[in-house]
Amino acid sequence: MVVKKIVSKKRVLKVKSTVKKKLAIKKPVKSPSKKLVKKLIASVKKPAKLIKLGKVIHYYNHIKVGIVKILAPVKEGQAVQFKGATTDFSQPARSMQINHVQVKKATKGKVIGLKVAKRVREGDVMYQAQLGR
């Protein structure tokens, strides 16, 4: 390292200049094998698809019951998730009724009344709840 002194009008500045080293030429890095790439892609967890179970068509605020048009079979006790513009919560499907009659299973095309934990809005979608949420 060489130190040079530069004298300006009122100050003396010390400037360090370094000696440039020659860069060693390195071999190009090999691209990963196809097998390795496939393993890496397989190891990345893909988000699970949400299964749409129904759509909220009405909500009774005073009794906290949502009226849901069923798009896929739903069993009593099954974990469901409601999602909408301002809604996002999960709960088990408890107290399902069709025409004021308690049922344990609702099939596609039926309209059920479902007791909900929070407010749901018309247009919210009921999905099968994901484990670990």
N, C-alpha and C. Protein backbone atom coordinates (compact mmCIF):
# COMPACT_ATOMS: atom_id res chain seq x y z
N MET A 1 0.84 -1.16 0.00
CA MET A 1 0.00 0.00 0.00
C MET A 1 0.90 1.24 0.00
N VAL A 2 0.54 2.16 -0.83
CA VAL A 2 1.32 3.38 -0.97
C VAL A 2 0.49 4.54 -0.44
N VAL A 3 1.10 5.35 0.38
CA VAL A 3 0.42 6.51 0.93
C VAL A 3 0.99 7.76 0.28
N LYS A 4 0.13 8.55 -0.30
CA LYS A 4 0.55 9.80 -0.93
C LYS A 4 -0.02 10.96 -0.15
N LYS A 5 0.74 11.98 -0.07
CA LYS A 5 0.27 13.19 0.59
C LYS A 5 -0.10 14.20 -0.48
N ILE A 6 -1.31 14.73 -0.36
CA ILE A 6 -1.74 15.76 -1.28
C ILE A 6 -1.93 17.02 -0.46
N VAL A 7 -1.29 18.07 -0.90
CA VAL A 7 -1.36 19.32 -0.17
C VAL A 7 -2.34 20.23 -0.89
N SER A 8 -3.38 20.63 -0.18
CA SER A 8 -4.32 21.60 -0.75
C SER A 8 -4.10 22.92 -0.05
N LYS A 9 -4.98 23.86 -0.24
CA LYS A 9 -4.76 25.21 0.28
C LYS A 9 -4.59 25.22 1.80
N LYS A 10 -5.47 24.55 2.54
CA LYS A 10 -5.38 24.64 3.99
C LYS A 10 -5.17 23.30 4.67
N ARG A 11 -5.31 22.17 3.96
CA ARG A 11 -5.21 20.87 4.60
C ARG A 11 -4.24 19.98 3.86
N VAL A 12 -3.80 19.02 4.60
CA VAL A 12 -2.96 17.99 4.01
C VAL A 12 -3.79 16.71 4.03
N LEU A 13 -4.04 16.15 2.88
CA LEU A 13 -4.84 14.95 2.77
C LEU A 13 -3.95 13.76 2.49
N LYS A 14 -4.25 12.66 3.15
CA LYS A 14 -3.53 11.44 2.88
C LYS A 14 -4.43 10.55 2.04
N VAL A 15 -3.97 10.11 0.93
CA VAL A 15 -4.74 9.27 0.03
C VAL A 15 -4.04 7.93 -0.06
N LYS A 16 -4.80 6.88 0.16
CA LYS A 16 -4.23 5.55 0.08
C LYS A 16 -4.55 4.99 -1.30
N SER A 17 -3.56 4.52 -1.97
CA SER A 17 -3.80 3.86 -3.24
C SER A 17 -3.37 2.41 -3.10
N THR A 18 -4.17 1.53 -3.61
CA THR A 18 -3.87 0.11 -3.47
C THR A 18 -3.33 -0.42 -4.78
N VAL A 19 -2.52 -1.39 -4.64
CA VAL A 19 -1.96 -2.04 -5.81
C VAL A 19 -2.99 -3.06 -6.30
N LYS A 20 -3.31 -3.00 -7.58
CA LYS A 20 -4.31 -3.91 -8.13
C LYS A 20 -3.72 -5.30 -8.26
N LYS A 21 -4.49 -6.26 -7.79
CA LYS A 21 -4.06 -7.64 -7.91
C LYS A 21 -4.68 -8.23 -9.16
N LYS A 22 -3.94 -9.11 -9.76
CA LYS A 22 -4.48 -9.79 -10.93
C LYS A 22 -5.50 -10.80 -10.45
N LEU A 23 -6.65 -10.79 -11.10
CA LEU A 23 -7.71 -11.73 -10.74
C LEU A 23 -7.42 -13.08 -11.36
N ALA A 24 -7.57 -14.09 -10.55
CA ALA A 24 -7.36 -15.45 -11.05
C ALA A 24 -8.56 -15.84 -11.90
N ILE A 25 -8.31 -16.46 -13.01
CA ILE A 25 -9.38 -16.89 -13.89
C ILE A 25 -9.98 -18.17 -13.32
N LYS A 26 -11.31 -18.14 -13.08
CA LYS A 26 -11.98 -19.28 -12.50
C LYS A 26 -12.72 -20.04 -13.59
N LYS A 27 -12.90 -21.34 -13.34
CA LYS A 27 -13.63 -22.18 -14.27
C LYS A 27 -15.11 -21.82 -14.18
N PRO A 28 -15.83 -21.89 -15.28
CA PRO A 28 -17.26 -21.59 -15.22
C PRO A 28 -18.01 -22.63 -14.38
N VAL A 29 -19.03 -22.17 -13.67
CA VAL A 29 -19.82 -23.03 -12.81
C VAL A 29 -20.77 -23.86 -13.68
N LYS A 30 -20.84 -25.16 -13.40
CA LYS A 30 -21.72 -26.02 -14.17
C LYS A 30 -23.17 -25.78 -13.74
N SER A 31 -24.06 -25.88 -14.70
CA SER A 31 -25.48 -25.74 -14.36
C SER A 31 -25.95 -27.02 -13.68
N PRO A 32 -26.96 -26.91 -12.79
CA PRO A 32 -27.41 -28.09 -12.06
C PRO A 32 -28.03 -29.12 -13.02
N SER A 33 -27.94 -30.37 -12.63
CA SER A 33 -28.47 -31.44 -13.47
C SER A 33 -30.00 -31.41 -13.47
N LYS A 34 -30.60 -32.07 -14.43
CA LYS A 34 -32.05 -32.11 -14.54
C LYS A 34 -32.67 -32.81 -13.34
N LYS A 35 -32.00 -33.86 -12.84
CA LYS A 35 -32.51 -34.59 -11.69
C LYS A 35 -32.56 -33.68 -10.46
N LEU A 36 -31.53 -32.89 -10.27
CA LEU A 36 -31.47 -31.98 -9.13
C LEU A 36 -32.58 -30.93 -9.23
N VAL A 37 -32.79 -30.42 -10.42
CA VAL A 37 -33.84 -29.42 -10.61
C VAL A 37 -35.21 -30.02 -10.29
N LYS A 38 -35.46 -31.26 -10.75
CA LYS A 38 -36.73 -31.91 -10.48
C LYS A 38 -36.93 -32.12 -8.98
N LYS A 39 -35.86 -32.51 -8.27
CA LYS A 39 -35.95 -32.70 -6.82
C LYS A 39 -36.28 -31.39 -6.12
N LEU A 40 -35.63 -30.32 -6.56
CA LEU A 40 -35.88 -29.01 -5.94
C LEU A 40 -37.32 -28.56 -6.16
N ILE A 41 -37.82 -28.77 -7.37
CA ILE A 41 -39.20 -28.38 -7.68
C ILE A 41 -40.17 -29.21 -6.86
N ALA A 42 -39.91 -30.50 -6.74
CA ALA A 42 -40.80 -31.38 -5.97
C ALA A 42 -40.78 -31.04 -4.48
N SER A 43 -39.66 -30.55 -3.98
CA SER A 43 -39.55 -30.26 -2.55
C SER A 43 -40.29 -28.98 -2.16
N VAL A 44 -40.54 -28.10 -3.12
CA VAL A 44 -41.26 -26.86 -2.83
C VAL A 44 -42.73 -27.20 -2.63
N LYS A 45 -43.28 -26.81 -1.49
CA LYS A 45 -44.68 -27.12 -1.19
C LYS A 45 -45.58 -26.19 -1.97
N LYS A 46 -46.54 -26.80 -2.67
CA LYS A 46 -47.51 -26.02 -3.41
C LYS A 46 -48.69 -25.73 -2.50
N PRO A 47 -49.29 -24.55 -2.62
CA PRO A 47 -50.45 -24.26 -1.78
C PRO A 47 -51.62 -25.18 -2.15
N ALA A 48 -52.31 -25.66 -1.14
CA ALA A 48 -53.43 -26.56 -1.38
C ALA A 48 -54.58 -25.80 -2.02
N LYS A 49 -55.28 -26.47 -2.92
CA LYS A 49 -56.43 -25.84 -3.56
C LYS A 49 -57.58 -25.77 -2.56
N LEU A 50 -58.30 -24.67 -2.60
CA LEU A 50 -59.47 -24.52 -1.75
C LEU A 50 -60.65 -25.19 -2.45
N ILE A 51 -61.37 -26.02 -1.72
CA ILE A 51 -62.54 -26.69 -2.26
C ILE A 51 -63.77 -25.85 -1.90
N LYS A 52 -64.45 -25.37 -2.91
CA LYS A 52 -65.62 -24.53 -2.70
C LYS A 52 -66.80 -25.40 -2.31
N LEU A 53 -67.37 -25.15 -1.14
CA LEU A 53 -68.49 -25.94 -0.63
C LEU A 53 -69.83 -25.25 -0.83
N GLY A 54 -69.85 -23.93 -0.84
CA GLY A 54 -71.12 -23.24 -0.97
C GLY A 54 -70.96 -21.74 -1.05
N LYS A 55 -72.10 -21.06 -1.22
CA LYS A 55 -72.12 -19.61 -1.33
C LYS A 55 -73.23 -19.06 -0.44
N VAL A 56 -72.91 -18.01 0.32
CA VAL A 56 -73.88 -17.40 1.23
C VAL A 56 -74.87 -16.58 0.39
N ILE A 57 -76.16 -16.86 0.61
CA ILE A 57 -77.17 -16.09 -0.14
C ILE A 57 -77.98 -15.16 0.77
N HIS A 58 -77.89 -15.39 2.09
CA HIS A 58 -78.58 -14.49 3.02
C HIS A 58 -77.99 -14.68 4.42
N TYR A 59 -78.21 -13.68 5.29
CA TYR A 59 -77.72 -13.76 6.67
C TYR A 59 -78.76 -13.15 7.59
N TYR A 60 -79.12 -13.88 8.65
CA TYR A 60 -80.03 -13.38 9.67
C TYR A 60 -79.21 -12.96 10.88
N ASN A 61 -79.12 -11.65 11.10
CA ASN A 61 -78.25 -11.09 12.13
C ASN A 61 -78.73 -11.43 13.54
N HIS A 62 -80.04 -11.39 13.78
CA HIS A 62 -80.55 -11.59 15.14
C HIS A 62 -80.39 -13.02 15.65
N ILE A 63 -80.29 -14.00 14.77
CA ILE A 63 -80.07 -15.38 15.21
C ILE A 63 -78.72 -15.93 14.75
N LYS A 64 -77.93 -15.11 14.06
CA LYS A 64 -76.58 -15.46 13.58
C LYS A 64 -76.58 -16.74 12.75
N VAL A 65 -77.43 -16.75 11.75
CA VAL A 65 -77.55 -17.89 10.85
C VAL A 65 -77.33 -17.42 9.42
N GLY A 66 -76.47 -18.12 8.71
CA GLY A 66 -76.24 -17.84 7.30
C GLY A 66 -76.98 -18.86 6.45
N ILE A 67 -77.61 -18.40 5.37
CA ILE A 67 -78.28 -19.29 4.43
C ILE A 67 -77.29 -19.54 3.29
N VAL A 68 -76.97 -20.82 3.09
CA VAL A 68 -75.90 -21.19 2.16
C VAL A 68 -76.44 -22.13 1.09
N LYS A 69 -76.15 -21.81 -0.18
CA LYS A 69 -76.46 -22.69 -1.31
C LYS A 69 -75.28 -23.65 -1.43
N ILE A 70 -75.52 -24.94 -1.29
CA ILE A 70 -74.46 -25.95 -1.24
C ILE A 70 -74.01 -26.33 -2.65
N LEU A 71 -72.68 -26.32 -2.87
CA LEU A 71 -72.09 -26.67 -4.17
C LEU A 71 -71.37 -28.02 -4.13
N ALA A 72 -71.08 -28.52 -2.91
CA ALA A 72 -70.42 -29.82 -2.72
C ALA A 72 -70.91 -30.36 -1.37
N PRO A 73 -70.95 -31.68 -1.20
CA PRO A 73 -71.47 -32.25 0.05
C PRO A 73 -70.76 -31.73 1.30
N VAL A 74 -71.55 -31.46 2.34
CA VAL A 74 -71.03 -30.98 3.62
C VAL A 74 -71.61 -31.86 4.73
N LYS A 75 -70.74 -32.31 5.65
CA LYS A 75 -71.17 -33.12 6.79
C LYS A 75 -71.15 -32.27 8.05
N GLU A 76 -71.98 -32.63 8.99
CA GLU A 76 -72.00 -31.93 10.27
C GLU A 76 -70.67 -32.17 10.98
N GLY A 77 -70.07 -31.13 11.53
CA GLY A 77 -68.78 -31.24 12.21
C GLY A 77 -67.59 -30.97 11.31
N GLN A 78 -67.81 -30.92 10.00
CA GLN A 78 -66.73 -30.65 9.05
C GLN A 78 -66.24 -29.21 9.22
N ALA A 79 -64.93 -29.01 9.14
CA ALA A 79 -64.37 -27.66 9.26
C ALA A 79 -64.61 -26.89 7.98
N VAL A 80 -65.19 -25.70 8.10
CA VAL A 80 -65.46 -24.85 6.94
C VAL A 80 -64.84 -23.49 7.17
N GLN A 81 -64.57 -22.80 6.06
CA GLN A 81 -63.97 -21.48 6.12
C GLN A 81 -64.80 -20.55 5.25
N PHE A 82 -65.15 -19.39 5.81
CA PHE A 82 -65.89 -18.39 5.06
C PHE A 82 -64.92 -17.31 4.62
N LYS A 83 -64.96 -16.97 3.32
CA LYS A 83 -64.10 -15.92 2.78
C LYS A 83 -64.93 -14.97 1.94
N GLY A 84 -64.62 -13.69 2.12
CA GLY A 84 -65.29 -12.66 1.34
C GLY A 84 -64.45 -11.40 1.37
N ALA A 85 -65.05 -10.29 0.96
CA ALA A 85 -64.32 -9.02 0.92
C ALA A 85 -63.83 -8.61 2.30
N THR A 86 -64.66 -8.78 3.32
CA THR A 86 -64.27 -8.41 4.69
C THR A 86 -64.38 -9.59 5.64
N THR A 87 -64.67 -10.76 5.14
CA THR A 87 -64.88 -11.95 5.97
C THR A 87 -63.77 -12.95 5.73
N ASP A 88 -63.23 -13.52 6.80
CA ASP A 88 -62.26 -14.62 6.69
C ASP A 88 -62.14 -15.29 8.05
N PHE A 89 -62.89 -16.38 8.25
CA PHE A 89 -62.80 -17.13 9.50
C PHE A 89 -63.17 -18.58 9.25
N SER A 90 -62.75 -19.45 10.17
CA SER A 90 -63.03 -20.88 10.08
C SER A 90 -63.84 -21.31 11.29
N GLN A 91 -64.62 -22.37 11.10
CA GLN A 91 -65.42 -22.93 12.18
C GLN A 91 -65.88 -24.31 11.76
N PRO A 92 -66.28 -25.14 12.72
CA PRO A 92 -66.91 -26.42 12.34
C PRO A 92 -68.35 -26.18 11.91
N ALA A 93 -68.85 -26.99 10.99
CA ALA A 93 -70.24 -26.86 10.52
C ALA A 93 -71.15 -27.51 11.56
N ARG A 94 -71.74 -26.72 12.41
CA ARG A 94 -72.63 -27.19 13.47
C ARG A 94 -74.04 -26.64 13.19
N SER A 95 -75.02 -27.33 13.67
CA SER A 95 -76.42 -26.90 13.58
C SER A 95 -76.82 -26.55 12.16
N MET A 96 -76.82 -27.56 11.28
CA MET A 96 -77.26 -27.38 9.90
C MET A 96 -78.74 -27.76 9.81
N GLN A 97 -79.52 -26.93 9.12
CA GLN A 97 -80.94 -27.21 8.97
C GLN A 97 -81.38 -27.01 7.53
N ILE A 98 -82.29 -27.90 7.09
CA ILE A 98 -82.96 -27.73 5.80
C ILE A 98 -84.45 -27.67 6.11
N ASN A 99 -85.10 -26.56 5.75
CA ASN A 99 -86.53 -26.33 6.05
C ASN A 99 -86.84 -26.57 7.53
N HIS A 100 -86.03 -26.01 8.41
CA HIS A 100 -86.20 -26.06 9.87
C HIS A 100 -86.08 -27.48 10.44
N VAL A 101 -85.44 -28.39 9.69
CA VAL A 101 -85.22 -29.76 10.16
C VAL A 101 -83.72 -29.97 10.25
N GLN A 102 -83.26 -30.40 11.44
CA GLN A 102 -81.83 -30.65 11.66
C GLN A 102 -81.35 -31.78 10.75
N VAL A 103 -80.22 -31.59 10.07
CA VAL A 103 -79.65 -32.62 9.19
C VAL A 103 -78.18 -32.84 9.55
N LYS A 104 -77.68 -34.02 9.23
CA LYS A 104 -76.27 -34.33 9.47
C LYS A 104 -75.43 -34.17 8.22
N LYS A 105 -76.07 -34.19 7.05
CA LYS A 105 -75.35 -34.07 5.78
C LYS A 105 -76.20 -33.29 4.80
N ALA A 106 -75.54 -32.39 4.05
CA ALA A 106 -76.22 -31.62 3.01
C ALA A 106 -75.57 -31.94 1.67
N THR A 107 -76.37 -32.19 0.67
CA THR A 107 -75.85 -32.54 -0.65
C THR A 107 -75.90 -31.35 -1.59
N LYS A 108 -75.27 -31.52 -2.74
CA LYS A 108 -75.19 -30.45 -3.74
C LYS A 108 -76.59 -30.01 -4.17
N GLY A 109 -76.76 -28.70 -4.28
CA GLY A 109 -78.02 -28.13 -4.74
C GLY A 109 -78.97 -27.74 -3.63
N LYS A 110 -78.74 -28.20 -2.41
CA LYS A 110 -79.61 -27.87 -1.27
C LYS A 110 -79.30 -26.47 -0.76
N VAL A 111 -80.28 -25.88 -0.09
CA VAL A 111 -80.10 -24.59 0.59
C VAL A 111 -80.26 -24.87 2.07
N ILE A 112 -79.21 -24.56 2.85
CA ILE A 112 -79.23 -24.86 4.28
C ILE A 112 -79.11 -23.59 5.10
N GLY A 113 -79.56 -23.70 6.34
CA GLY A 113 -79.32 -22.67 7.34
C GLY A 113 -78.19 -23.17 8.22
N LEU A 114 -77.17 -22.35 8.42
CA LEU A 114 -76.00 -22.78 9.18
C LEU A 114 -75.68 -21.74 10.25
N LYS A 115 -75.64 -22.18 11.49
CA LYS A 115 -75.27 -21.29 12.60
C LYS A 115 -73.81 -20.92 12.44
N VAL A 116 -73.50 -19.60 12.43
CA VAL A 116 -72.13 -19.13 12.20
C VAL A 116 -71.62 -18.37 13.42
N ALA A 117 -70.28 -18.38 13.57
CA ALA A 117 -69.65 -17.74 14.72
C ALA A 117 -69.56 -16.22 14.53
N LYS A 118 -69.38 -15.78 13.29
CA LYS A 118 -69.25 -14.35 13.00
C LYS A 118 -70.19 -13.99 11.87
N ARG A 119 -70.27 -12.71 11.60
CA ARG A 119 -71.14 -12.22 10.54
C ARG A 119 -70.62 -12.66 9.18
N VAL A 120 -71.54 -13.14 8.34
CA VAL A 120 -71.21 -13.43 6.94
C VAL A 120 -72.09 -12.54 6.08
N ARG A 121 -71.66 -12.32 4.86
CA ARG A 121 -72.38 -11.43 3.96
C ARG A 121 -72.79 -12.18 2.70
N GLU A 122 -73.81 -11.68 2.06
CA GLU A 122 -74.25 -12.27 0.80
C GLU A 122 -73.08 -12.23 -0.18
N GLY A 123 -72.83 -13.34 -0.83
CA GLY A 123 -71.73 -13.41 -1.79
C GLY A 123 -70.47 -14.02 -1.22
N ASP A 124 -70.37 -14.12 0.12
CA ASP A 124 -69.20 -14.80 0.72
C ASP A 124 -69.22 -16.26 0.29
N VAL A 125 -68.04 -16.85 0.19
CA VAL A 125 -67.93 -18.24 -0.25
C VAL A 125 -67.49 -19.11 0.93
N MET A 126 -68.10 -20.29 1.02
CA MET A 126 -67.75 -21.24 2.07
C MET A 126 -66.85 -22.30 1.45
N TYR A 127 -65.63 -22.43 2.01
CA TYR A 127 -64.65 -23.39 1.53
C TYR A 127 -64.43 -24.46 2.59
N GLN A 128 -63.83 -25.56 2.16
CA GLN A 128 -63.37 -26.57 3.10
C GLN A 128 -62.15 -25.98 3.80
N ALA A 129 -62.15 -25.97 5.14
CA ALA A 129 -61.06 -25.35 5.89
C ALA A 129 -59.77 -26.15 5.72
N GLN A 130 -58.65 -25.44 5.64
CA GLN A 130 -57.34 -26.07 5.51
C GLN A 130 -56.83 -26.46 6.90
N LEU A 131 -56.16 -27.59 6.99
CA LEU A 131 -55.60 -28.02 8.27
C LEU A 131 -54.47 -27.09 8.66
N GLY A 132 -54.35 -26.80 9.92
CA GLY A 132 -53.26 -25.97 10.42
C GLY A 132 -53.54 -24.49 10.37
N ARG A 133 -54.74 -24.09 10.03
CA ARG A 133 -55.08 -22.67 10.01
C ARG A 133 -55.80 -22.29 11.25
